[in-house]
Protein backbone atom coordinates (compact mmCIF):
# COMPACT_ATOMS: atom_id res chain seq x y z
CA UNK A 1 99.15 101.95 93.71
CA UNK A 2 96.66 99.30 92.69
CA UNK A 3 93.22 98.35 93.89
CA UNK A 4 92.20 97.77 97.48
CA UNK A 5 89.14 97.13 99.65
CA UNK A 6 87.75 99.02 102.61
CA UNK A 7 87.19 97.32 105.93
CA UNK A 8 85.21 98.75 108.83
CA UNK A 9 86.68 97.80 112.19
CA UNK A 10 85.02 99.39 115.23
CA UNK A 11 87.38 100.90 117.79
CA UNK A 12 86.18 98.38 120.38
CA UNK A 13 88.04 95.61 118.48
CA UNK A 14 91.32 97.48 118.97
CA UNK A 15 91.12 97.62 122.76
CA UNK A 16 93.99 95.71 124.28
CA UNK A 17 96.12 96.33 121.20
CA UNK A 18 96.42 100.12 121.62
CA UNK A 19 97.24 102.41 124.50
CA UNK A 20 94.60 104.89 125.71
CA UNK A 21 96.46 107.73 123.97
CA UNK A 22 96.55 105.78 120.68
CA UNK A 23 92.83 105.00 120.98
CA UNK A 24 92.08 108.72 121.33
CA UNK A 25 94.01 109.47 118.12
CA UNK A 26 91.81 107.13 116.06
CA UNK A 27 89.00 109.24 114.66
CA UNK A 28 87.19 106.77 112.40
CA UNK A 29 86.76 103.03 111.88
CA UNK A 30 87.35 102.76 108.13
CA UNK A 31 90.65 101.20 106.93
CA UNK A 32 92.15 100.03 103.65
CA UNK A 33 93.22 96.45 103.00
CA UNK A 34 94.82 94.52 100.17
CA UNK A 35 94.31 91.13 101.82
CA UNK A 36 90.90 90.34 100.32
CA UNK A 37 89.47 90.76 96.79
CA UNK A 38 91.13 94.11 95.90
CA UNK A 39 88.08 95.22 93.92
CA UNK A 40 86.84 98.21 95.97
CA UNK A 41 84.54 96.03 98.08
CA UNK A 42 83.47 97.03 101.57
CA UNK A 43 83.94 94.61 104.46
CA UNK A 44 83.20 94.93 108.14
CA UNK A 45 83.94 93.08 111.33
CA UNK A 46 80.75 92.58 113.33
CA UNK A 47 80.20 90.27 116.30
CA UNK A 48 83.65 88.72 115.73
CA UNK A 49 82.77 87.78 112.13
CA UNK A 50 83.72 89.11 108.70
CA UNK A 51 80.97 90.45 106.43
CA UNK A 52 80.99 91.90 102.92
CA UNK A 53 78.57 94.51 101.56
CA UNK A 54 76.36 93.49 98.66
CA UNK A 55 76.87 96.96 97.17
CA UNK A 56 80.18 96.82 95.29
CA UNK A 57 81.82 100.01 94.10
CA UNK A 58 79.43 102.24 96.08
CA UNK A 59 80.80 105.49 94.61
CA UNK A 60 79.72 104.35 91.12
CA UNK A 61 76.39 102.78 92.00
CA UNK A 62 75.30 105.38 94.57
CA UNK A 63 72.66 106.76 92.22
CA UNK A 64 71.52 103.28 91.14
CA UNK A 65 71.61 101.50 94.48
CA UNK A 66 68.35 101.76 96.35
CA UNK A 67 67.67 100.48 99.81
CA UNK A 68 70.04 99.64 102.59
CA UNK A 69 73.28 97.74 102.29
CA UNK A 70 73.02 94.06 103.00
CA UNK A 71 75.96 92.43 104.70
CA UNK A 72 76.84 88.90 103.63
CA UNK A 73 78.91 86.63 105.88
CA UNK A 74 82.29 85.86 104.31
CA UNK A 75 83.96 82.58 105.33
CA UNK A 76 87.48 83.90 104.77
CA UNK A 77 90.40 82.01 106.29
CA UNK A 78 93.69 83.85 106.62
CA UNK A 79 95.27 87.10 107.75
CA UNK A 80 93.68 90.44 106.90
CA UNK A 81 96.22 93.24 107.06
CA UNK A 82 94.66 96.73 107.25
CA UNK A 83 96.08 100.22 107.67
CA UNK A 84 95.33 103.94 107.70
CA UNK A 85 96.64 107.36 108.77
CA UNK A 86 95.24 109.61 111.49
CA UNK A 87 95.91 113.21 112.38
CA UNK A 88 95.75 114.66 115.89
CA UNK A 89 94.57 118.17 116.79
CA UNK A 90 98.18 119.49 116.66
CA UNK A 91 98.53 118.39 113.02
CA UNK A 92 100.83 115.39 113.61
CA UNK A 93 100.11 112.41 111.32
CA UNK A 94 100.17 108.81 112.57
CA UNK A 95 100.35 105.54 110.64
CA UNK A 96 98.68 102.40 111.99
CA UNK A 97 98.95 98.82 110.69
CA UNK A 98 97.00 95.91 112.20
CA UNK A 99 96.54 92.23 111.33
CA UNK A 100 93.39 90.27 112.15
CA UNK A 101 93.42 86.53 111.46
CA UNK A 102 90.15 84.84 110.54
CA UNK A 103 89.26 81.15 110.50
CA UNK A 104 86.18 80.41 108.37
CA UNK A 105 85.13 84.05 108.70
CA UNK A 106 85.44 84.17 112.50
CA UNK A 107 88.00 86.44 114.16
CA UNK A 108 90.79 84.35 115.67
CA UNK A 109 93.75 86.61 116.54
CA UNK A 110 94.61 90.33 116.56
CA UNK A 111 98.07 91.85 116.25
CA UNK A 112 99.29 95.46 116.17
CA UNK A 113 102.09 95.74 113.61
CA UNK A 114 102.84 99.46 113.80
CA UNK A 115 101.50 102.67 115.31
CA UNK A 116 103.93 105.51 114.81
CA UNK A 117 104.15 109.15 113.93
CA UNK A 118 104.85 109.45 110.23
CA UNK A 119 104.97 113.25 109.93
CA UNK A 120 104.95 115.96 112.53
CA UNK A 121 103.12 119.26 112.14
CA UNK A 122 106.47 121.08 111.76
CA UNK A 123 107.57 118.70 108.98
CA UNK A 124 104.21 119.19 107.25
CA UNK A 125 104.58 122.98 107.42
CA UNK A 126 108.14 122.77 106.08
CA UNK A 127 107.05 120.52 103.19
CA UNK A 128 104.12 122.83 102.41
CA UNK A 129 106.45 125.85 102.27
CA UNK A 130 108.91 123.98 100.01
CA UNK A 131 106.02 122.96 97.76
CA UNK A 132 104.80 126.58 97.54
CA UNK A 133 108.31 127.75 96.55
CA UNK A 134 108.62 124.99 93.91
CA UNK A 135 105.11 125.70 92.58
CA UNK A 136 105.87 129.42 92.42
CA UNK A 137 109.06 128.82 90.39
CA UNK A 138 107.19 126.49 88.03
CA UNK A 139 104.33 128.98 87.57
CA UNK A 140 106.82 131.79 86.78
CA UNK A 141 108.66 129.62 84.26
CA UNK A 142 105.39 128.63 82.55
CA UNK A 143 104.66 132.33 81.93
CA UNK A 144 107.90 132.85 79.98
CA UNK A 145 107.99 133.10 76.19
CA UNK A 146 110.59 130.30 76.04
CA UNK A 147 108.22 127.89 77.79
CA UNK A 148 105.26 128.84 75.58
CA UNK A 149 107.26 128.40 72.36
CA UNK A 150 108.73 125.04 73.30
CA UNK A 151 105.44 123.79 74.72
CA UNK A 152 103.73 124.65 71.41
CA UNK A 153 106.56 123.00 69.46
CA UNK A 154 106.34 119.90 71.62
CA UNK A 155 102.59 119.68 70.96
CA UNK A 156 103.04 120.04 67.19
CA UNK A 157 105.86 117.48 67.06
CA UNK A 158 103.85 115.06 69.19
CA UNK A 159 100.90 115.26 66.81
CA UNK A 160 103.19 114.95 63.79
CA UNK A 161 104.92 111.94 65.39
CA UNK A 162 101.57 110.23 65.97
CA UNK A 163 100.54 110.89 62.38
CA UNK A 164 103.89 109.53 61.09
CA UNK A 165 103.58 106.43 63.27
CA UNK A 166 100.12 105.72 61.83
CA UNK A 167 101.56 105.93 58.31
CA UNK A 168 104.05 103.16 59.03
CA UNK A 169 101.52 100.59 60.26
CA UNK A 170 101.45 97.62 57.93
CA UNK A 171 97.88 96.80 56.93
CA UNK A 172 96.69 93.28 57.55
CA UNK A 173 95.58 91.07 54.62
CA UNK A 174 91.92 91.11 55.70
CA UNK A 175 91.98 94.89 55.41
CA UNK A 176 93.83 95.09 52.08
CA UNK A 177 91.94 92.42 50.09
CA UNK A 178 88.59 94.27 49.96
CA UNK A 179 90.43 97.47 49.07
CA UNK A 180 92.29 95.73 46.24
CA UNK A 181 89.03 94.26 44.90
CA UNK A 182 87.38 97.67 45.10
CA UNK A 183 90.28 99.32 43.25
CA UNK A 184 90.28 96.61 40.51
CA UNK A 185 86.54 97.13 40.01
CA UNK A 186 86.99 100.91 39.60
CA UNK A 187 90.03 100.42 37.34
CA UNK A 188 87.97 98.13 35.10
CA UNK A 189 85.14 100.67 34.99
CA UNK A 190 87.61 103.46 34.16
CA UNK A 191 89.14 101.45 31.29
CA UNK A 192 85.68 100.64 29.94
CA UNK A 193 84.68 104.29 30.02
CA UNK A 194 87.92 105.25 28.23
CA UNK A 195 87.25 102.75 25.42
CA UNK A 196 83.72 104.07 24.96
CA UNK A 197 85.08 107.60 24.53
CA UNK A 198 87.45 106.48 21.79
């Protein structure tokens, strides 16, 4: 799937692009984008300009980060393609794709690429039922003796294969030279001790 960034676009920026019904379906203003840094940064559109949060990777630094987020103006030039899914109260899922074009960080043009139903509530229910049937069959099979025996055998063979692979790795010269010197030293000491015994 790869990395992405989040971009916050208030619903007011989408007026004129969407119908009233489509606007009602949008429940939040957070979208994903792969048009910027793709490093889990957070961007936002505010007063027709693009800003980036100074708190990168907020889910990791939540405990460390103290104070409020600071938003830094980003002079990005180019198209920013962002997208998300929404669900209505009936359970139908919708997919939306939008492109905003920025010139030196200032919003220039807006374009709706796609706003369509991607899965109806009936399709979702049907898929959920099929998944439950498949999961049930898998769970039953995993309880059988045949599965347990072959799963154990697979684990043992996997470990044995890893061990065998490690045995076939050719040591590098830097690793073998100190070992050879160490062995020669002990061999010399062993021979000396043998002579003393005689």
